Amino acid sequence: MASTKAKIIRIGNSRGIRLSKSLIEQYALRDEVILEAGDDCLILRPVECPRTGWDKAFERMHQLGDDELLDSESIVETEWDKEDWVW
């Protein structure tokens, strides 16, 4: 793992570090990061989008036939559903 030296700077009553543009781009960092505290280190990780990978998971479920509605017998179709509902 490559090391980079950074200065701790004052930000109001807190402190922070500046990250170079190249590090931000290399690790796809955005406005927020995950900060993990280890015994003798801090680890920054990019925050993933909440639904990352859902499209692949749903496709896999479909391939396995595991995408059926579990409570289909509880669906009661009304006259409104039959006549007025438009997709």
PDB file of N, CA and C in Angstrom:
ATOM      1  N   MET A   1       0.841  -1.164   0.000  1.00  0.00           N
ATOM      2  CA  MET A   1       0.000   0.000   0.000  1.00  0.00           C
ATOM      3  C   MET A   1       0.892   1.235   0.000  1.00  0.00           C
ATOM      4  N   ALA A   2       0.617   2.176  -0.902  1.00  0.00           N
ATOM      5  CA  ALA A   2       1.404   3.401  -0.979  1.00  0.00           C
ATOM      6  C   ALA A   2       1.020   4.349   0.154  1.00  0.00           C
ATOM      7  N   SER A   3       2.006   5.096   0.641  1.00  0.00           N
ATOM      8  CA  SER A   3       1.758   6.064   1.706  1.00  0.00           C
ATOM      9  C   SER A   3       1.835   7.470   1.145  1.00  0.00           C
ATOM     10  N   THR A   4       1.024   8.348   1.711  1.00  0.00           N
ATOM     11  CA  THR A   4       1.043   9.757   1.357  1.00  0.00           C
ATOM     12  C   THR A   4       0.995  10.562   2.635  1.00  0.00           C
ATOM     13  N   LYS A   5       1.807  11.598   2.699  1.00  0.00           N
ATOM     14  CA  LYS A   5       1.833  12.457   3.871  1.00  0.00           C
ATOM     15  C   LYS A   5       0.825  13.581   3.677  1.00  0.00           C
ATOM     16  N   ALA A   6       0.055  13.914   4.730  1.00  0.00           N
ATOM     17  CA  ALA A   6      -0.928  14.991   4.654  1.00  0.00           C
ATOM     18  C   ALA A   6      -0.889  15.788   5.949  1.00  0.00           C
ATOM     19  N   LYS A   7      -1.096  17.090   5.839  1.00  0.00           N
ATOM     20  CA  LYS A   7      -1.128  17.945   7.019  1.00  0.00           C
ATOM     21  C   LYS A   7      -2.532  17.974   7.604  1.00  0.00           C
ATOM     22  N   ILE A   8      -2.603  18.050   8.924  1.00  0.00           N
ATOM     23  CA  ILE A   8      -3.880  18.232   9.598  1.00  0.00           C
ATOM     24  C   ILE A   8      -4.145  19.734   9.637  1.00  0.00           C
ATOM     25  N   ILE A   9      -5.320  20.143   9.133  1.00  0.00           N
ATOM     26  CA  ILE A   9      -5.647  21.565   9.054  1.00  0.00           C
ATOM     27  C   ILE A   9      -6.841  21.894   9.945  1.00  0.00           C
ATOM     28  N   ARG A  10      -6.924  23.158  10.336  1.00  0.00           N
ATOM     29  CA  ARG A  10      -8.028  23.620  11.171  1.00  0.00           C
ATOM     30  C   ARG A  10      -9.255  23.874  10.292  1.00  0.00           C
ATOM     31  N   ILE A  11     -10.404  23.367  10.729  1.00  0.00           N
ATOM     32  CA  ILE A  11     -11.687  23.605  10.064  1.00  0.00           C
ATOM     33  C   ILE A  11     -12.661  23.989  11.174  1.00  0.00           C
ATOM     34  N   GLY A  12     -12.807  25.276  11.429  1.00  0.00           N
ATOM     35  CA  GLY A  12     -13.620  25.736  12.555  1.00  0.00           C
ATOM     36  C   GLY A  12     -12.991  25.256  13.849  1.00  0.00           C
ATOM     37  N   ASN A  13     -13.788  24.607  14.704  1.00  0.00           N
ATOM     38  CA  ASN A  13     -13.269  24.051  15.955  1.00  0.00           C
ATOM     39  C   ASN A  13     -12.732  22.631  15.770  1.00  0.00           C
ATOM     40  N   SER A  14     -12.838  22.117  14.563  1.00  0.00           N
ATOM     41  CA  SER A  14     -12.404  20.745  14.285  1.00  0.00           C
ATOM     42  C   SER A  14     -11.103  20.754  13.508  1.00  0.00           C
ATOM     43  N   ARG A  15     -10.671  19.588  13.117  1.00  0.00           N
ATOM     44  CA  ARG A  15      -9.482  19.426  12.291  1.00  0.00           C
ATOM     45  C   ARG A  15      -9.839  18.495  11.127  1.00  0.00           C
ATOM     46  N   GLY A  16      -9.089  18.616  10.069  1.00  0.00           N
ATOM     47  CA  GLY A  16      -9.331  17.763   8.912  1.00  0.00           C
ATOM     48  C   GLY A  16      -8.065  17.586   8.116  1.00  0.00           C
ATOM     49  N   ILE A  17      -8.153  16.785   7.078  1.00  0.00           N
ATOM     50  CA  ILE A  17      -7.028  16.607   6.157  1.00  0.00           C
ATOM     51  C   ILE A  17      -7.525  16.892   4.748  1.00  0.00           C
ATOM     52  N   ARG A  18      -6.619  17.339   3.907  1.00  0.00           N
ATOM     53  CA  ARG A  18      -6.930  17.545   2.495  1.00  0.00           C
ATOM     54  C   ARG A  18      -6.463  16.327   1.722  1.00  0.00           C
ATOM     55  N   LEU A  19      -7.305  15.882   0.821  1.00  0.00           N
ATOM     56  CA  LEU A  19      -6.932  14.766  -0.051  1.00  0.00           C
ATOM     57  C   LEU A  19      -6.685  15.308  -1.448  1.00  0.00           C
ATOM     58  N   SER A  20      -5.674  14.796  -2.090  1.00  0.00           N
ATOM     59  CA  SER A  20      -5.364  15.248  -3.453  1.00  0.00           C
ATOM     60  C   SER A  20      -6.469  14.799  -4.414  1.00  0.00           C
ATOM     61  N   LYS A  21      -6.605  15.541  -5.485  1.00  0.00           N
ATOM     62  CA  LYS A  21      -7.594  15.216  -6.508  1.00  0.00           C
ATOM     63  C   LYS A  21      -7.363  13.804  -7.046  1.00  0.00           C
ATOM     64  N   SER A  22      -6.099  13.434  -7.216  1.00  0.00           N
ATOM     65  CA  SER A  22      -5.797  12.102  -7.769  1.00  0.00           C
ATOM     66  C   SER A  22      -6.268  10.986  -6.830  1.00  0.00           C
ATOM     67  N   LEU A  23      -6.109  11.170  -5.509  1.00  0.00           N
ATOM     68  CA  LEU A  23      -6.608  10.158  -4.560  1.00  0.00           C
ATOM     69  C   LEU A  23      -8.130  10.088  -4.577  1.00  0.00           C
ATOM     70  N   ILE A  24      -8.772  11.245  -4.633  1.00  0.00           N
ATOM     71  CA  ILE A  24     -10.237  11.288  -4.669  1.00  0.00           C
ATOM     72  C   ILE A  24     -10.760  10.564  -5.900  1.00  0.00           C
ATOM     73  N   GLU A  25     -10.134  10.805  -7.038  1.00  0.00           N
ATOM     74  CA  GLU A  25     -10.559  10.145  -8.280  1.00  0.00           C
ATOM     75  C   GLU A  25     -10.220   8.661  -8.274  1.00  0.00           C
ATOM     76  N   GLN A  26      -9.028   8.312  -7.797  1.00  0.00           N
ATOM     77  CA  GLN A  26      -8.590   6.910  -7.787  1.00  0.00           C
ATOM     78  C   GLN A  26      -9.531   6.033  -6.976  1.00  0.00           C
ATOM     79  N   TYR A  27     -10.023   6.547  -5.847  1.00  0.00           N
ATOM     80  CA  TYR A  27     -10.877   5.747  -4.963  1.00  0.00           C
ATOM     81  C   TYR A  27     -12.349   6.114  -5.065  1.00  0.00           C
ATOM     82  N   ALA A  28     -12.702   6.905  -6.073  1.00  0.00           N
ATOM     83  CA  ALA A  28     -14.098   7.286  -6.349  1.00  0.00           C
ATOM     84  C   ALA A  28     -14.790   7.845  -5.108  1.00  0.00           C
ATOM     85  N   LEU A  29     -14.104   8.757  -4.421  1.00  0.00           N
ATOM     86  CA  LEU A  29     -14.680   9.374  -3.228  1.00  0.00           C
ATOM     87  C   LEU A  29     -15.625  10.485  -3.656  1.00  0.00           C
ATOM     88  N   ARG A  30     -16.736  10.626  -2.937  1.00  0.00           N
ATOM     89  CA  ARG A  30     -17.727  11.669  -3.228  1.00  0.00           C
ATOM     90  C   ARG A  30     -17.818  12.592  -2.029  1.00  0.00           C
ATOM     91  N   ASP A  31     -19.019  13.050  -1.714  1.00  0.00           N
ATOM     92  CA  ASP A  31     -19.225  13.992  -0.613  1.00  0.00           C
ATOM     93  C   ASP A  31     -19.136  13.344   0.757  1.00  0.00           C
ATOM     94  N   GLU A  32     -19.309  12.034   0.826  1.00  0.00           N
ATOM     95  CA  GLU A  32     -19.231  11.315   2.102  1.00  0.00           C
ATOM     96  C   GLU A  32     -18.325  10.107   1.947  1.00  0.00           C
ATOM     97  N   VAL A  33     -17.706   9.710   3.044  1.00  0.00           N
ATOM     98  CA  VAL A  33     -16.884   8.503   3.072  1.00  0.00           C
ATOM     99  C   VAL A  33     -17.237   7.705   4.315  1.00  0.00           C
ATOM    100  N   ILE A  34     -16.906   6.430   4.294  1.00  0.00           N
ATOM    101  CA  ILE A  34     -16.990   5.590   5.482  1.00  0.00           C
ATOM    102  C   ILE A  34     -15.630   5.691   6.166  1.00  0.00           C
ATOM    103  N   LEU A  35     -15.624   6.008   7.451  1.00  0.00           N
ATOM    104  CA  LEU A  35     -14.387   6.123   8.217  1.00  0.00           C
ATOM    105  C   LEU A  35     -14.364   5.002   9.240  1.00  0.00           C
ATOM    106  N   GLU A  36     -13.376   4.128   9.128  1.00  0.00           N
ATOM    107  CA  GLU A  36     -13.226   3.008  10.055  1.00  0.00           C
ATOM    108  C   GLU A  36     -11.997   3.237  10.917  1.00  0.00           C
ATOM    109  N   ALA A  37     -12.156   3.089  12.220  1.00  0.00           N
ATOM    110  CA  ALA A  37     -11.042   3.242  13.148  1.00  0.00           C
ATOM    111  C   ALA A  37     -10.532   1.862  13.528  1.00  0.00           C
ATOM    112  N   GLY A  38      -9.260   1.610  13.246  1.00  0.00           N
ATOM    113  CA  GLY A  38      -8.624   0.361  13.636  1.00  0.00           C
ATOM    114  C   GLY A  38      -7.772   0.581  14.875  1.00  0.00           C
ATOM    115  N   ASP A  39      -7.035  -0.434  15.279  1.00  0.00           N
ATOM    116  CA  ASP A  39      -6.179  -0.320  16.461  1.00  0.00           C
ATOM    117  C   ASP A  39      -5.128   0.774  16.297  1.00  0.00           C
ATOM    118  N   ASP A  40      -4.531   0.851  15.122  1.00  0.00           N
ATOM    119  CA  ASP A  40      -3.484   1.849  14.910  1.00  0.00           C
ATOM    120  C   ASP A  40      -3.606   2.523  13.547  1.00  0.00           C
ATOM    121  N   CYS A  41      -4.835   2.595  13.020  1.00  0.00           N
ATOM    122  CA  CYS A  41      -5.013   3.194  11.701  1.00  0.00           C
ATOM    123  C   CYS A  41      -6.432   3.726  11.511  1.00  0.00           C
ATOM    124  N   LEU A  42      -6.594   4.577  10.530  1.00  0.00           N
ATOM    125  CA  LEU A  42      -7.899   5.035  10.064  1.00  0.00           C
ATOM    126  C   LEU A  42      -8.035   4.610   8.614  1.00  0.00           C
ATOM    127  N   ILE A  43      -9.190   4.131   8.245  1.00  0.00           N
ATOM    128  CA  ILE A  43      -9.430   3.687   6.874  1.00  0.00           C
ATOM    129  C   ILE A  43     -10.604   4.478   6.322  1.00  0.00           C
ATOM    130  N   LEU A  44     -10.410   5.092   5.152  1.00  0.00           N
ATOM    131  CA  LEU A  44     -11.475   5.789   4.432  1.00  0.00           C
ATOM    132  C   LEU A  44     -11.944   4.905   3.295  1.00  0.00           C
ATOM    133  N   ARG A  45     -13.248   4.754   3.171  1.00  0.00           N
ATOM    134  CA  ARG A  45     -13.818   3.977   2.065  1.00  0.00           C
ATOM    135  C   ARG A  45     -14.914   4.796   1.406  1.00  0.00           C
ATOM    136  N   PRO A  46     -15.087   4.643   0.093  1.00  0.00           N
ATOM    137  CA  PRO A  46     -16.188   5.357  -0.555  1.00  0.00           C
ATOM    138  C   PRO A  46     -17.529   4.784  -0.088  1.00  0.00           C
ATOM    139  N   VAL A  47     -18.523   5.644  -0.021  1.00  0.00           N
ATOM    140  CA  VAL A  47     -19.882   5.210   0.308  1.00  0.00           C
ATOM    141  C   VAL A  47     -20.500   4.680  -0.982  1.00  0.00           C
ATOM    142  N   GLU A  48     -20.999   3.467  -0.935  1.00  0.00           N
ATOM    143  CA  GLU A  48     -21.636   2.889  -2.120  1.00  0.00           C
ATOM    144  C   GLU A  48     -23.077   3.369  -2.211  1.00  0.00           C
ATOM    145  N   CYS A  49     -23.583   3.426  -3.413  1.00  0.00           N
ATOM    146  CA  CYS A  49     -24.989   3.757  -3.599  1.00  0.00           C
ATOM    147  C   CYS A  49     -25.825   2.682  -2.925  1.00  0.00           C
ATOM    148  N   PRO A  50     -26.919   3.063  -2.274  1.00  0.00           N
ATOM    149  CA  PRO A  50     -27.715   2.096  -1.513  1.00  0.00           C
ATOM    150  C   PRO A  50     -28.194   0.889  -2.309  1.00  0.00           C
ATOM    151  N   ARG A  51     -28.449   1.054  -3.593  1.00  0.00           N
ATOM    152  CA  ARG A  51     -29.009  -0.048  -4.382  1.00  0.00           C
ATOM    153  C   ARG A  51     -28.011  -0.639  -5.370  1.00  0.00           C
ATOM    154  N   THR A  52     -26.737  -0.458  -5.100  1.00  0.00           N
ATOM    155  CA  THR A  52     -25.704  -1.006  -5.971  1.00  0.00           C
ATOM    156  C   THR A  52     -25.842  -2.525  -6.046  1.00  0.00           C
ATOM    157  N   GLY A  53     -25.890  -3.046  -7.254  1.00  0.00           N
ATOM    158  CA  GLY A  53     -25.969  -4.488  -7.454  1.00  0.00           C
ATOM    159  C   GLY A  53     -27.368  -5.069  -7.462  1.00  0.00           C
ATOM    160  N   TRP A  54     -28.389  -4.246  -7.186  1.00  0.00           N
ATOM    161  CA  TRP A  54     -29.760  -4.771  -7.160  1.00  0.00           C
ATOM    162  C   TRP A  54     -30.186  -5.292  -8.522  1.00  0.00           C
ATOM    163  N   ASP A  55     -29.799  -4.608  -9.598  1.00  0.00           N
ATOM    164  CA  ASP A  55     -30.205  -5.043 -10.927  1.00  0.00           C
ATOM    165  C   ASP A  55     -29.701  -6.450 -11.229  1.00  0.00           C
ATOM    166  N   LYS A  56     -28.464  -6.735 -10.863  1.00  0.00           N
ATOM    167  CA  LYS A  56     -27.909  -8.073 -11.084  1.00  0.00           C
ATOM    168  C   LYS A  56     -28.583  -9.104 -10.187  1.00  0.00           C
ATOM    169  N   ALA A  57     -28.872  -8.720  -8.944  1.00  0.00           N
ATOM    170  CA  ALA A  57     -29.535  -9.636  -8.010  1.00  0.00           C
ATOM    171  C   ALA A  57     -30.938  -9.978  -8.502  1.00  0.00           C
ATOM    172  N   PHE A  58     -31.665  -8.991  -9.003  1.00  0.00           N
ATOM    173  CA  PHE A  58     -33.020  -9.235  -9.513  1.00  0.00           C
ATOM    174  C   PHE A  58     -32.988 -10.099 -10.765  1.00  0.00           C
ATOM    175  N   GLU A  59     -32.002  -9.869 -11.619  1.00  0.00           N
ATOM    176  CA  GLU A  59     -31.870 -10.694 -12.816  1.00  0.00           C
ATOM    177  C   GLU A  59     -31.590 -12.142 -12.431  1.00  0.00           C
ATOM    178  N   ARG A  60     -30.721 -12.338 -11.455  1.00  0.00           N
ATOM    179  CA  ARG A  60     -30.398 -13.694 -10.975  1.00  0.00           C
ATOM    180  C   ARG A  60     -31.635 -14.353 -10.371  1.00  0.00           C
ATOM    181  N   MET A  61     -32.409 -13.606  -9.587  1.00  0.00           N
ATOM    182  CA  MET A  61     -33.647 -14.141  -9.017  1.00  0.00           C
ATOM    183  C   MET A  61     -34.597 -14.594 -10.129  1.00  0.00           C
ATOM    184  N   HIS A  62     -34.695 -13.787 -11.189  1.00  0.00           N
ATOM    185  CA  HIS A  62     -35.564 -14.137 -12.310  1.00  0.00           C
ATOM    186  C   HIS A  62     -35.093 -15.419 -12.986  1.00  0.00           C
ATOM    187  N   GLN A  63     -33.789 -15.531 -13.193  1.00  0.00           N
ATOM    188  CA  GLN A  63     -33.233 -16.732 -13.822  1.00  0.00           C
ATOM    189  C   GLN A  63     -33.522 -17.977 -12.992  1.00  0.00           C
ATOM    190  N   LEU A  64     -33.518 -17.843 -11.675  1.00  0.00           N
ATOM    191  CA  LEU A  64     -33.760 -18.974 -10.786  1.00  0.00           C
ATOM    192  C   LEU A  64     -35.249 -19.192 -10.512  1.00  0.00           C
ATOM    193  N   GLY A  65     -36.104 -18.333 -11.083  1.00  0.00           N
ATOM    194  CA  GLY A  65     -37.540 -18.461 -10.849  1.00  0.00           C
ATOM    195  C   GLY A  65     -37.935 -18.063  -9.430  1.00  0.00           C
ATOM    196  N   ASP A  66     -37.127 -17.228  -8.826  1.00  0.00           N
ATOM    197  CA  ASP A  66     -37.359 -16.840  -7.440  1.00  0.00           C
ATOM    198  C   ASP A  66     -37.913 -15.420  -7.343  1.00  0.00           C
ATOM    199  N   ASP A  67     -38.652 -14.994  -8.370  1.00  0.00           N
ATOM    200  CA  ASP A  67     -39.178 -13.634  -8.384  1.00  0.00           C
ATOM    201  C   ASP A  67     -40.710 -13.605  -8.451  1.00  0.00           C
ATOM    202  N   GLU A  68     -41.325 -14.632  -7.896  1.00  0.00           N
ATOM    203  CA  GLU A  68     -42.784 -14.693  -7.897  1.00  0.00           C
ATOM    204  C   GLU A  68     -43.349 -14.040  -6.641  1.00  0.00           C
ATOM    205  N   LEU A  69     -44.528 -13.466  -6.785  1.00  0.00           N
ATOM    206  CA  LEU A  69     -45.204 -12.844  -5.661  1.00  0.00           C
ATOM    207  C   LEU A  69     -45.603 -13.929  -4.663  1.00  0.00           C
ATOM    208  N   LEU A  70     -45.215 -13.767  -3.410  1.00  0.00           N
ATOM    209  CA  LEU A  70     -45.455 -14.796  -2.407  1.00  0.00           C
ATOM    210  C   LEU A  70     -46.891 -14.827  -1.899  1.00  0.00           C
ATOM    211  N   ASP A  71     -47.584 -13.709  -1.943  1.00  0.00           N
ATOM    212  CA  ASP A  71     -48.949 -13.679  -1.414  1.00  0.00           C
ATOM    213  C   ASP A  71     -49.967 -13.345  -2.505  1.00  0.00           C
ATOM    214  N   SER A  72     -49.814 -13.962  -3.679  1.00  0.00           N
ATOM    215  CA  SER A  72     -50.678 -13.652  -4.816  1.00  0.00           C
ATOM    216  C   SER A  72     -52.149 -13.962  -4.539  1.00  0.00           C
ATOM    217  N   GLU A  73     -52.432 -14.933  -3.664  1.00  0.00           N
ATOM    218  CA  GLU A  73     -53.832 -15.259  -3.365  1.00  0.00           C
ATOM    219  C   GLU A  73     -54.517 -14.172  -2.539  1.00  0.00           C
ATOM    220  N   SER A  74     -53.760 -13.259  -1.973  1.00  0.00           N
ATOM    221  CA  SER A  74     -54.359 -12.189  -1.179  1.00  0.00           C
ATOM    222  C   SER A  74     -54.759 -10.984  -2.024  1.00  0.00           C
ATOM    223  N   ILE A  75     -54.441 -11.009  -3.307  1.00  0.00           N
ATOM    224  CA  ILE A  75     -54.787  -9.885  -4.177  1.00  0.00           C
ATOM    225  C   ILE A  75     -56.256  -9.992  -4.569  1.00  0.00           C
ATOM    226  N   VAL A  76     -56.984  -8.928  -4.269  1.00  0.00           N
ATOM    227  CA  VAL A  76     -58.400  -8.857  -4.625  1.00  0.00           C
ATOM    228  C   VAL A  76     -58.547  -7.750  -5.651  1.00  0.00           C
ATOM    229  N   GLU A  77     -58.960  -8.119  -6.839  1.00  0.00           N
ATOM    230  CA  GLU A  77     -59.109  -7.139  -7.901  1.00  0.00           C
ATOM    231  C   GLU A  77     -60.486  -6.492  -7.800  1.00  0.00           C
ATOM    232  N   THR A  78     -60.521  -5.172  -7.764  1.00  0.00           N
ATOM    233  CA  THR A  78     -61.778  -4.438  -7.656  1.00  0.00           C
ATOM    234  C   THR A  78     -62.243  -3.980  -9.030  1.00  0.00           C
ATOM    235  N   GLU A  79     -63.466  -3.477  -9.098  1.00  0.00           N
ATOM    236  CA  GLU A  79     -63.976  -2.925 -10.356  1.00  0.00           C
ATOM    237  C   GLU A  79     -63.102  -1.760 -10.821  1.00  0.00           C
ATOM    238  N   TRP A  80     -62.642  -0.959  -9.859  1.00  0.00           N
ATOM    239  CA  TRP A  80     -61.764   0.156 -10.209  1.00  0.00           C
ATOM    240  C   TRP A  80     -60.489  -0.364 -10.875  1.00  0.00           C
ATOM    241  N   ASP A  81     -59.931  -1.454 -10.323  1.00  0.00           N
ATOM    242  CA  ASP A  81     -58.734  -2.047 -10.917  1.00  0.00           C
ATOM    243  C   ASP A  81     -58.996  -2.482 -12.349  1.00  0.00           C
ATOM    244  N   LYS A  82     -60.159  -3.090 -12.579  1.00  0.00           N
ATOM    245  CA  LYS A  82     -60.477  -3.623 -13.899  1.00  0.00           C
ATOM    246  C   LYS A  82     -60.783  -2.543 -14.914  1.00  0.00           C
ATOM    247  N   GLU A  83     -61.470  -1.473 -14.484  1.00  0.00           N
ATOM    248  CA  GLU A  83     -61.978  -0.495 -15.453  1.00  0.00           C
ATOM    249  C   GLU A  83     -61.200   0.831 -15.489  1.00  0.00           C
ATOM    250  N   ASP A  84     -60.720   1.299 -14.349  1.00  0.00           N
ATOM    251  CA  ASP A  84     -60.162   2.642 -14.294  1.00  0.00           C
ATOM    252  C   ASP A  84     -58.641   2.712 -14.205  1.00  0.00           C
ATOM    253  N   TRP A  85     -58.021   1.670 -13.712  1.00  0.00           N
ATOM    254  CA  TRP A  85     -56.574   1.713 -13.526  1.00  0.00           C
ATOM    255  C   TRP A  85     -55.869   1.674 -14.860  1.00  0.00           C
ATOM    256  N   VAL A  86     -54.894   2.582 -15.052  1.00  0.00           N
ATOM    257  CA  VAL A  86     -54.130   2.641 -16.298  1.00  0.00           C
ATOM    258  C   VAL A  86     -52.655   2.587 -15.942  1.00  0.00           C
ATOM    259  N   TRP A  87     -51.927   1.705 -16.593  1.00  0.00           N
ATOM    260  CA  TRP A  87     -50.492   1.627 -16.383  1.00  0.00           C
ATOM    261  C   TRP A  87     -49.804   2.652 -17.215  1.00  0.00           C
TER     262      TRP A  87
END
